Amino acid sequence: MPLSRVEIATPSAERLINRLCKHWAHKLEVEQSDQQATITFATGTCLMLAEPDKLVVAIETLEEEHLDELEGVVERHLMRMAGDEELAIVWEN
């Protein structure tokens, strides 16, 4: 299965996870615990983990063609939820 991940330097990892989960829970299957969440999309899964001073995001899709699309969706939503905080997002796959 195609996989992509990113480590984003931020002091707000838990807040970002909480905001994204609340936003996506209306449309998608969301599982959230203390410092991590799993969001299930139609084309793949996103795992988010809050660590000290960073947010780790991993995306796994069934097909390679969906990886870029899902990266874009997650990235746009992270940027929106971050507000004025600038996030450096560089996917590795």
C-alpha atoms as a PDB file:
ATOM      1  CA  MET A   1       0.000   0.000   0.000  1.00  0.00           C
ATOM      2  CA  PRO A   2       1.322   3.465  -0.864  1.00  0.00           C
ATOM      3  CA  LEU A   3       2.394   5.429   2.211  1.00  0.00           C
ATOM      4  CA  SER A   4       3.369   9.052   2.800  1.00  0.00           C
ATOM      5  CA  ARG A   5       4.367  10.799   6.021  1.00  0.00           C
ATOM      6  CA  VAL A   6       5.415  14.172   7.336  1.00  0.00           C
ATOM      7  CA  GLU A   7       6.732  15.551  10.622  1.00  0.00           C
ATOM      8  CA  ILE A   8       5.533  19.114  11.183  1.00  0.00           C
ATOM      9  CA  ALA A   9       7.251  21.326  13.755  1.00  0.00           C
ATOM     10  CA  THR A  10       4.499  22.890  15.871  1.00  0.00           C
ATOM     11  CA  PRO A  11       3.746  23.526  19.537  1.00  0.00           C
ATOM     12  CA  SER A  12       0.039  23.047  18.700  1.00  0.00           C
ATOM     13  CA  ALA A  13      -0.080  19.401  17.608  1.00  0.00           C
ATOM     14  CA  GLU A  14      -2.842  18.345  20.020  1.00  0.00           C
ATOM     15  CA  ARG A  15      -4.949  21.391  19.170  1.00  0.00           C
ATOM     16  CA  LEU A  16      -4.615  20.709  15.444  1.00  0.00           C
ATOM     17  CA  ILE A  17      -5.644  17.073  15.893  1.00  0.00           C
ATOM     18  CA  ASN A  18      -8.663  18.095  17.989  1.00  0.00           C
ATOM     19  CA  ARG A  19      -9.806  20.714  15.482  1.00  0.00           C
ATOM     20  CA  LEU A  20      -9.392  18.400  12.496  1.00  0.00           C
ATOM     21  CA  CYS A  21     -11.221  15.554  14.221  1.00  0.00           C
ATOM     22  CA  LYS A  22     -14.159  17.783  15.136  1.00  0.00           C
ATOM     23  CA  HIS A  23     -14.297  19.076  11.562  1.00  0.00           C
ATOM     24  CA  TRP A  24     -14.050  15.676   9.873  1.00  0.00           C
ATOM     25  CA  ALA A  25     -16.273  13.781  12.330  1.00  0.00           C
ATOM     26  CA  HIS A  26     -19.331  15.159  10.521  1.00  0.00           C
ATOM     27  CA  LYS A  27     -18.405  13.359   7.283  1.00  0.00           C
ATOM     28  CA  LEU A  28     -15.815  10.692   8.010  1.00  0.00           C
ATOM     29  CA  GLU A  29     -15.040   7.898  10.448  1.00  0.00           C
ATOM     30  CA  VAL A  30     -12.794   9.397  13.137  1.00  0.00           C
ATOM     31  CA  GLU A  31     -11.142   7.567  16.027  1.00  0.00           C
ATOM     32  CA  GLN A  32      -9.393   9.788  18.544  1.00  0.00           C
ATOM     33  CA  SER A  33      -7.531   9.118  21.770  1.00  0.00           C
ATOM     34  CA  ASP A  34      -5.357  11.352  23.927  1.00  0.00           C
ATOM     35  CA  GLN A  35      -2.641  12.328  21.472  1.00  0.00           C
ATOM     36  CA  GLN A  36      -3.503  10.525  18.279  1.00  0.00           C
ATOM     37  CA  ALA A  37      -6.265  10.112  15.739  1.00  0.00           C
ATOM     38  CA  THR A  38      -7.143   7.943  12.776  1.00  0.00           C
ATOM     39  CA  ILE A  39      -9.365   9.333  10.030  1.00  0.00           C
ATOM     40  CA  THR A  40     -10.763   6.966   7.428  1.00  0.00           C
ATOM     41  CA  PHE A  41     -11.378   8.450   3.983  1.00  0.00           C
ATOM     42  CA  ALA A  42     -12.961   6.640   1.028  1.00  0.00           C
ATOM     43  CA  THR A  43      -9.528   6.329  -0.615  1.00  0.00           C
ATOM     44  CA  GLY A  44      -7.258   5.801   2.392  1.00  0.00           C
ATOM     45  CA  THR A  45      -6.432   6.410   6.029  1.00  0.00           C
ATOM     46  CA  CYS A  46      -4.716   9.274   7.854  1.00  0.00           C
ATOM     47  CA  LEU A  47      -2.970   8.707  11.184  1.00  0.00           C
ATOM     48  CA  MET A  48      -1.986  11.750  13.254  1.00  0.00           C
ATOM     49  CA  LEU A  49       0.202  11.645  16.344  1.00  0.00           C
ATOM     50  CA  ALA A  50       0.988  14.584  18.638  1.00  0.00           C
ATOM     51  CA  GLU A  51       4.544  14.520  19.953  1.00  0.00           C
ATOM     52  CA  PRO A  52       6.403  17.216  21.886  1.00  0.00           C
ATOM     53  CA  ASP A  53       6.881  20.131  19.474  1.00  0.00           C
ATOM     54  CA  LYS A  54       5.706  18.232  16.382  1.00  0.00           C
ATOM     55  CA  LEU A  55       2.786  16.621  14.637  1.00  0.00           C
ATOM     56  CA  VAL A  56       3.437  13.356  12.797  1.00  0.00           C
ATOM     57  CA  VAL A  57       1.025  12.565   9.971  1.00  0.00           C
ATOM     58  CA  ALA A  58       0.984   9.344   7.955  1.00  0.00           C
ATOM     59  CA  ILE A  59      -1.309   8.629   5.012  1.00  0.00           C
ATOM     60  CA  GLU A  60      -1.906   5.203   3.530  1.00  0.00           C
ATOM     61  CA  THR A  61      -3.978   4.647   0.390  1.00  0.00           C
ATOM     62  CA  LEU A  62      -5.128   1.622  -1.551  1.00  0.00           C
ATOM     63  CA  GLU A  63      -3.914   3.038  -4.870  1.00  0.00           C
ATOM     64  CA  GLU A  64      -0.852   5.173  -5.662  1.00  0.00           C
ATOM     65  CA  GLU A  65      -3.018   7.624  -7.609  1.00  0.00           C
ATOM     66  CA  HIS A  66      -4.918   8.605  -4.456  1.00  0.00           C
ATOM     67  CA  LEU A  67      -1.821   9.468  -2.413  1.00  0.00           C
ATOM     68  CA  ASP A  68      -1.236  12.961  -3.866  1.00  0.00           C
ATOM     69  CA  GLU A  69      -4.934  13.756  -3.628  1.00  0.00           C
ATOM     70  CA  LEU A  70      -5.163  12.776   0.031  1.00  0.00           C
ATOM     71  CA  GLU A  71      -1.920  14.623   0.854  1.00  0.00           C
ATOM     72  CA  GLY A  72      -3.502  17.762  -0.604  1.00  0.00           C
ATOM     73  CA  VAL A  73      -6.727  17.347   1.371  1.00  0.00           C
ATOM     74  CA  VAL A  74      -4.893  16.831   4.663  1.00  0.00           C
ATOM     75  CA  GLU A  75      -2.420  19.642   3.982  1.00  0.00           C
ATOM     76  CA  ARG A  76      -5.119  22.196   3.098  1.00  0.00           C
ATOM     77  CA  HIS A  77      -7.100  21.339   6.210  1.00  0.00           C
ATOM     78  CA  LEU A  78      -4.018  21.499   8.452  1.00  0.00           C
ATOM     79  CA  MET A  79      -3.166  24.959   7.089  1.00  0.00           C
ATOM     80  CA  ARG A  80      -6.726  26.154   7.640  1.00  0.00           C
ATOM     81  CA  MET A  81      -6.873  24.799  11.199  1.00  0.00           C
ATOM     82  CA  ALA A  82      -3.456  26.288  12.057  1.00  0.00           C
ATOM     83  CA  GLY A  83      -4.760  29.824  11.496  1.00  0.00           C
ATOM     84  CA  ASP A  84      -1.868  32.298  11.721  1.00  0.00           C
ATOM     85  CA  GLU A  85       0.696  29.620  12.577  1.00  0.00           C
ATOM     86  CA  GLU A  86       2.824  28.781   9.549  1.00  0.00           C
ATOM     87  CA  LEU A  87       3.377  25.070   9.012  1.00  0.00           C
ATOM     88  CA  ALA A  88       6.204  23.601   6.919  1.00  0.00           C
ATOM     89  CA  ILE A  89       4.719  20.504   5.287  1.00  0.00           C
ATOM     90  CA  VAL A  90       7.000  18.357   3.120  1.00  0.00           C
ATOM     91  CA  TRP A  91       5.630  14.877   2.433  1.00  0.00           C
ATOM     92  CA  GLU A  92       7.987  11.891   2.266  1.00  0.00           C
ATOM     93  CA  ASN A  93       6.963   8.759   0.396  1.00  0.00           C
END
